[in-house]
C-alpha cells in the first residue's frame, strides 16, 4: 500500500491574498473601504433624499439635531446642515465626489508620471537630467501650495481640481518609476532583449514596465488618499469645489461656522467619514507595501 502525496499549488492571487490577510488591521480596513465605496455607489437608492435637489430640500429642516424627524416624515439620523440637507444623504453623495476626484487624479497622475519616469530612465543623458531637475523642483514645493496656485489660475470645478491634483502629484510617480526602471534596465534580460534587436517600445512595455508595477500600486494607494485629503482641504478653504458639487470638504466647511454654537454634528460626521476613508486607504496601502516588498515588512 502506497501513500499518496498531494501537492497544493497556489496561484499568485491566492498567495497574495493569504499574505495580505495576515494583517487583521489591513483586512478590516479593506472591508471598511469596500463598504464605503459600495455605499457611495448606491447613494441615490439608499438615501431618503438627494441633498442637492432643491425640490427635495426644505429650509425648515435646517440645523436639526441627530435623530430628529424631518418635515417629509423620515428620520435624520445624523441631523441636518444649515440648508436643511440630511447629513446622512449629504455624506454619501459627498463620498461619491471625493472618491471620484481622488481616483481620477490618482490614475491620471500615475499614467503621466509613469510615462515621464520611463522616458527619463530609458533615454538617459541630457533628457534624464532635464526631467529629473523638473521633478526635483516640483517636489521642493508642498503639494497643497501647487494645487492652490493652479486652482487660483484655473478656477473652481471638478475638472479644474483634478488637473491641479495631477500637476501636484505626477512627480512622485515619475521619481519612483525612474529609480525602478534604472535598476531593471541594467539587468541581463534587458541586455538580452537589446541584443535581439527588439524595439525600444517592446523592451519598455513588455520587460521594464511590468517590473515597476509593484511600487506603483503602493504609491497609487497613498497618493489617492492624499488627493482626497488635498481636495477636501481646498474645498474647506473655499477655493475647491462649488456648493453644487458636494464633497466631504465642502460639507465640513458648511458646518464650521456653527461649531461654536454647539451644532457640532454638521462638521463632525463629514469629518469622521473623511478620516475613516483616508485611514482605510493608507492602511491598505501599507499592507500592500509589505506584501509586494517583503524586505520592508515590519
Protein backbone atom coordinates (compact mmCIF):
# COMPACT_ATOMS: atom_id res chain seq x y z
CA UNK A 1 0.00 0.00 0.00
CA UNK A 2 1.49 3.32 -1.08
CA UNK A 3 0.81 6.71 0.41
CA UNK A 4 -0.46 9.42 -1.89
CA UNK A 5 1.15 12.79 -1.54
CA UNK A 6 -0.99 15.74 -2.58
CA UNK A 7 0.82 18.89 -3.62
CA UNK A 8 -1.24 22.03 -3.48
CA UNK A 9 -0.09 24.72 -5.85
CA UNK A 10 -1.24 28.24 -5.07
CA UNK A 11 -1.96 30.75 -7.79
CA UNK A 12 -0.25 34.17 -7.50
CA UNK A 13 -3.54 35.72 -6.40
CA UNK A 14 -4.09 33.07 -3.70
CA UNK A 15 -0.56 33.63 -2.43
CA UNK A 16 -1.08 37.38 -2.45
CA UNK A 17 -4.40 37.13 -0.60
CA UNK A 18 -3.06 34.74 2.04
CA UNK A 19 -0.21 37.16 2.78
CA UNK A 20 -2.46 40.22 2.75
CA UNK A 21 -4.93 38.84 5.28
CA UNK A 22 -2.15 38.09 7.76
CA UNK A 23 -2.72 41.65 8.99
CA UNK A 24 -6.12 41.79 10.68
CA UNK A 25 -6.00 45.58 10.75
CA UNK A 26 -5.44 45.77 6.98
CA UNK A 27 -8.21 43.24 6.41
CA UNK A 28 -10.65 45.32 8.48
CA UNK A 29 -9.50 48.45 6.62
CA UNK A 30 -10.15 46.74 3.28
CA UNK A 31 -13.67 45.74 4.39
CA UNK A 32 -14.37 49.28 5.60
CA UNK A 33 -13.05 50.77 2.36
CA UNK A 34 -15.11 48.37 0.25
CA UNK A 35 -18.20 49.25 2.31
CA UNK A 36 -17.57 52.98 1.81
CA UNK A 37 -17.28 52.50 -1.96
CA UNK A 38 -20.47 50.42 -2.10
CA UNK A 39 -22.40 52.97 -0.01
CA UNK A 40 -21.17 55.80 -2.23
CA UNK A 41 -22.18 53.97 -5.42
CA UNK A 42 -25.62 53.09 -4.03
CA UNK A 43 -26.24 56.56 -2.55
CA UNK A 44 -29.15 57.50 -4.88
CA UNK A 45 -31.03 54.35 -3.85
CA UNK A 46 -30.31 54.12 -0.11
CA UNK A 47 -30.68 57.76 0.97
CA UNK A 48 -34.01 59.43 1.83
CA UNK A 49 -33.28 62.50 -0.30
CA UNK A 50 -31.00 63.95 -2.93
CA UNK A 51 -29.48 66.69 -0.76
CA UNK A 52 -28.59 68.79 -3.79
CA UNK A 53 -32.00 68.70 -5.43
CA UNK A 54 -33.71 71.90 -4.28
CA UNK A 55 -37.13 70.31 -4.74
CA UNK A 56 -36.30 67.75 -2.03
CA UNK A 57 -34.68 70.12 0.48
CA UNK A 58 -36.73 72.09 2.99
CA UNK A 59 -35.04 75.01 4.73
CA UNK A 60 -37.31 74.41 7.73
CA UNK A 61 -35.28 71.24 8.38
CA UNK A 62 -32.12 73.29 8.86
CA UNK A 63 -29.75 72.51 11.74
CA UNK A 64 -31.83 69.63 13.09
CA UNK A 65 -30.14 67.53 15.77
CA UNK A 66 -29.23 63.86 15.08
CA UNK A 67 -32.31 61.64 15.34
CA UNK A 68 -34.76 64.43 14.55
CA UNK A 69 -37.69 63.84 12.22
CA UNK A 70 -37.81 65.84 9.00
CA UNK A 71 -40.99 67.53 7.80
CA UNK A 72 -41.08 64.96 4.97
CA UNK A 73 -41.50 62.21 7.58
CA UNK A 74 -38.13 60.42 7.55
CA UNK A 75 -35.63 60.41 10.41
CA UNK A 76 -32.41 62.42 10.09
CA UNK A 77 -30.12 60.00 11.91
CA UNK A 78 -27.09 62.31 11.62
CA UNK A 79 -29.02 65.56 11.74
CA UNK A 80 -29.07 68.25 9.04
CA UNK A 81 -26.95 71.21 7.99
CA UNK A 82 -27.87 74.89 7.78
CA UNK A 83 -29.58 74.47 4.40
CA UNK A 84 -31.84 71.65 5.63
CA UNK A 85 -29.96 68.83 3.91
CA UNK A 86 -30.00 65.41 5.57
CA UNK A 87 -26.38 64.81 6.61
CA UNK A 88 -26.53 61.06 6.05
CA UNK A 89 -27.58 61.67 2.45
CA UNK A 90 -25.13 64.54 2.00
CA UNK A 91 -22.18 62.45 3.29
CA UNK A 92 -22.86 59.56 0.90
CA UNK A 93 -23.24 61.95 -2.04
CA UNK A 94 -20.10 63.76 -0.90
CA UNK A 95 -18.20 60.47 -0.80
CA UNK A 96 -19.11 59.92 -4.45
CA UNK A 97 -17.45 63.19 -5.43
CA UNK A 98 -14.43 62.80 -3.15
CA UNK A 99 -13.70 59.24 -4.31
CA UNK A 100 -14.19 60.20 -7.96
CA UNK A 101 -11.80 63.13 -7.70
CA UNK A 102 -9.22 61.07 -5.78
CA UNK A 103 -9.32 58.09 -8.15
CA UNK A 104 -9.33 60.23 -11.31
CA UNK A 105 -6.41 62.34 -10.11
CA UNK A 106 -4.51 59.25 -8.96
CA UNK A 107 -4.94 57.37 -12.24
CA UNK A 108 -4.04 60.35 -14.43
CA UNK A 109 -1.02 61.25 -12.29
CA UNK A 110 0.10 57.60 -12.40
CA UNK A 111 -0.14 57.45 -16.21
CA UNK A 112 1.66 60.76 -16.76
CA UNK A 113 4.31 60.18 -14.09
CA UNK A 114 4.98 56.62 -15.27
CA UNK A 115 5.46 57.74 -18.87
CA UNK A 116 7.83 60.54 -17.86
CA UNK A 117 9.78 58.29 -15.49
CA UNK A 118 10.22 55.60 -18.15
CA UNK A 119 11.45 58.16 -20.67
CA UNK A 120 13.95 59.54 -18.16
CA UNK A 121 15.30 56.10 -17.23
CA UNK A 122 15.48 54.67 -20.73
CA UNK A 123 16.67 57.77 -22.60
CA UNK A 124 19.36 58.78 -20.12
CA UNK A 125 21.79 61.59 -20.77
CA UNK A 126 20.58 65.16 -21.04
CA UNK A 127 16.94 64.10 -21.33
CA UNK A 128 17.09 62.31 -17.98
CA UNK A 129 18.90 65.25 -16.38
CA UNK A 130 16.30 67.78 -17.53
CA UNK A 131 13.37 65.60 -16.47
CA UNK A 132 14.80 64.87 -13.03
CA UNK A 133 15.64 68.53 -12.42
CA UNK A 134 11.98 69.34 -13.18
CA UNK A 135 10.93 66.57 -10.77
CA UNK A 136 13.24 67.92 -8.06
CA UNK A 137 11.83 71.43 -8.47
CA UNK A 138 8.29 70.06 -8.33
CA UNK A 139 8.93 68.06 -5.17
CA UNK A 140 10.60 71.02 -3.44
CA UNK A 141 7.19 72.71 -3.13
CA UNK A 142 4.35 71.41 -0.92
CA UNK A 143 1.64 69.71 -2.99
CA UNK A 144 -1.09 71.85 -1.42
CA UNK A 145 0.73 75.04 -2.46
CA UNK A 146 0.97 73.87 -6.09
CA UNK A 147 -2.69 72.89 -6.07
CA UNK A 148 -3.70 76.25 -4.58
CA UNK A 149 -1.78 78.16 -7.25
CA UNK A 150 -3.31 76.17 -10.09
CA UNK A 151 -6.85 76.40 -8.72
CA UNK A 152 -6.40 80.18 -8.44
CA UNK A 153 -5.43 80.25 -12.12
CA UNK A 154 -7.87 77.65 -13.49
CA UNK A 155 -10.90 78.40 -11.32
CA UNK A 156 -13.24 76.11 -9.38
CA UNK A 157 -14.83 72.89 -10.54
CA UNK A 158 -14.26 69.13 -10.53
CA UNK A 159 -12.22 69.12 -13.74
CA UNK A 160 -10.06 72.01 -12.52
CA UNK A 161 -9.42 70.30 -9.18
CA UNK A 162 -8.39 67.07 -10.93
CA UNK A 163 -5.94 68.95 -13.18
CA UNK A 164 -4.46 70.72 -10.14
CA UNK A 165 -4.07 67.46 -8.21
CA UNK A 166 -2.46 65.70 -11.17
CA UNK A 167 0.01 68.55 -11.56
CA UNK A 168 0.82 68.34 -7.84
CA UNK A 169 1.34 64.55 -7.76
CA UNK A 170 2.84 63.32 -11.06
CA UNK A 171 6.42 63.85 -9.85
CA UNK A 172 6.07 61.20 -7.11
CA UNK A 173 5.29 58.56 -9.73
CA UNK A 174 7.99 59.79 -12.11
CA UNK A 175 10.74 59.55 -9.48
CA UNK A 176 9.62 56.09 -8.32
CA UNK A 177 9.36 54.69 -11.86
CA UNK A 178 12.67 56.19 -12.95
CA UNK A 179 14.51 54.64 -9.97
CA UNK A 180 12.92 51.22 -10.51
CA UNK A 181 13.36 51.31 -14.28
CA UNK A 182 17.07 52.15 -13.95
CA UNK A 183 17.58 49.01 -11.88
CA UNK A 184 15.62 46.86 -14.33
CA UNK A 185 17.32 48.33 -17.41
CA UNK A 186 20.73 47.21 -16.10
CA UNK A 187 19.67 43.57 -15.74
CA UNK A 188 20.67 40.77 -18.07
CA UNK A 189 17.26 40.10 -19.59
CA UNK A 190 17.00 43.70 -20.82
CA UNK A 191 20.51 43.47 -22.30
CA UNK A 192 19.48 40.23 -24.00
CA UNK A 193 16.41 41.92 -25.43
CA UNK A 194 18.60 44.69 -26.83
CA UNK A 195 20.93 42.12 -28.38
CA UNK A 196 17.92 40.53 -30.09
CA UNK A 197 17.23 43.94 -31.66
CA UNK A 198 13.80 44.26 -30.08
CA UNK A 199 12.18 47.67 -30.45
CA UNK A 200 12.56 50.19 -27.63
CA UNK A 201 8.78 50.26 -27.18
CA UNK A 202 8.62 46.50 -26.72
CA UNK A 203 11.50 46.47 -24.26
CA UNK A 204 9.96 49.24 -22.17
CA UNK A 205 6.37 47.98 -22.07
CA UNK A 206 7.00 44.24 -22.11
CA UNK A 207 10.07 43.93 -19.91
CA UNK A 208 10.73 47.09 -17.88
CA UNK A 209 7.25 48.42 -17.04
CA UNK A 210 5.78 45.15 -15.60
CA UNK A 211 8.58 45.08 -13.03
CA UNK A 212 7.72 48.65 -11.95
CA UNK A 213 4.10 47.83 -11.13
CA UNK A 214 4.61 46.70 -7.52
CA UNK A 215 5.90 50.07 -6.20
CA UNK A 216 3.39 51.89 -8.41
CA UNK A 217 0.48 50.09 -6.76
CA UNK A 218 1.70 51.13 -3.32
CA UNK A 219 2.39 54.74 -4.35
CA UNK A 220 -1.01 54.83 -6.09
CA UNK A 221 -2.94 53.97 -2.93
CA UNK A 222 -1.07 56.52 -0.84
CA UNK A 223 -1.44 59.27 -3.44
CA UNK A 224 -5.15 58.54 -3.89
CA UNK A 225 -5.66 59.14 -0.17
CA UNK A 226 -3.50 62.26 -0.46
CA UNK A 227 -5.60 63.51 -3.40
CA UNK A 228 -8.81 63.10 -1.39
CA UNK A 229 -7.26 64.98 1.53
CA UNK A 230 -5.96 67.75 -0.77
CA UNK A 231 -9.33 68.19 -2.46
CA UNK A 232 -11.05 68.37 0.94
CA UNK A 233 -8.51 70.95 2.12
CA UNK A 234 -9.06 73.14 -0.94
CA UNK A 235 -12.85 72.84 -0.65
CA UNK A 236 -12.71 73.65 3.06
CA UNK A 237 -10.73 76.79 2.26
CA UNK A 238 -13.42 77.80 -0.24
CA UNK A 239 -11.25 77.52 -3.38
CA UNK A 240 -12.12 73.95 -4.34
CA UNK A 241 -15.48 72.57 -5.38
CA UNK A 242 -18.65 74.63 -5.57
CA UNK A 243 -21.64 74.20 -3.25
CA UNK A 244 -23.44 72.47 -6.13
CA UNK A 245 -20.57 69.95 -6.41
CA UNK A 246 -20.62 68.47 -2.92
CA UNK A 247 -17.63 66.78 -1.37
CA UNK A 248 -16.70 65.99 2.22
CA UNK A 249 -14.53 69.12 2.34
CA UNK A 250 -17.48 71.30 1.32
CA UNK A 251 -19.68 69.67 3.98
CA UNK A 252 -17.07 70.26 6.70
CA UNK A 253 -16.72 73.87 5.60
CA UNK A 254 -20.50 74.38 5.70
CA UNK A 255 -20.66 73.41 9.36
CA UNK A 256 -17.55 75.18 10.58
CA UNK A 257 -19.38 78.42 11.34
CA UNK A 258 -21.85 76.55 13.58
CA UNK A 259 -19.22 74.79 15.72
CA UNK A 260 -19.11 77.49 18.39
CA UNK A 261 -22.90 77.45 18.72
CA UNK A 262 -22.91 73.78 19.72
CA UNK A 263 -24.09 72.34 16.40
CA UNK A 264 -21.03 70.11 16.14
CA UNK A 265 -22.65 67.40 14.03
CA UNK A 266 -22.71 69.47 10.83
CA UNK A 267 -18.90 69.27 10.55
CA UNK A 268 -18.21 66.32 12.84
CA UNK A 269 -19.87 63.50 10.87
CA UNK A 270 -18.44 64.51 7.46
CA UNK A 271 -15.05 64.84 9.18
CA UNK A 272 -15.34 61.31 10.59
CA UNK A 273 -16.28 59.97 7.14
CA UNK A 274 -13.26 61.70 5.60
CA UNK A 275 -10.93 60.44 8.33
CA UNK A 276 -12.15 56.84 8.07
CA UNK A 277 -11.82 56.88 4.26
CA UNK A 278 -8.25 58.22 4.27
CA UNK A 279 -7.07 55.97 7.11
CA UNK A 280 -8.57 52.89 5.44
CA UNK A 281 -6.82 53.62 2.14
CA UNK A 282 -3.50 54.22 3.90
CA UNK A 283 -3.74 51.02 5.95
CA UNK A 284 -4.49 49.00 2.82
CA UNK A 285 -1.55 50.69 1.09
CA UNK A 286 0.79 49.86 4.00
CA UNK A 287 -0.12 46.18 3.80
CA UNK A 288 0.26 46.16 0.03
CA UNK A 289 3.78 47.52 0.53
CA UNK A 290 4.61 44.71 2.95
CA UNK A 291 3.19 42.02 0.67
CA UNK A 292 4.73 43.29 -2.57
CA UNK A 293 8.11 44.02 -0.98
CA UNK A 294 8.74 41.58 1.92
CA UNK A 295 12.08 43.26 2.69
CA UNK A 296 10.14 46.25 4.04
CA UNK A 297 7.87 44.11 6.21
CA UNK A 298 7.77 45.33 9.77
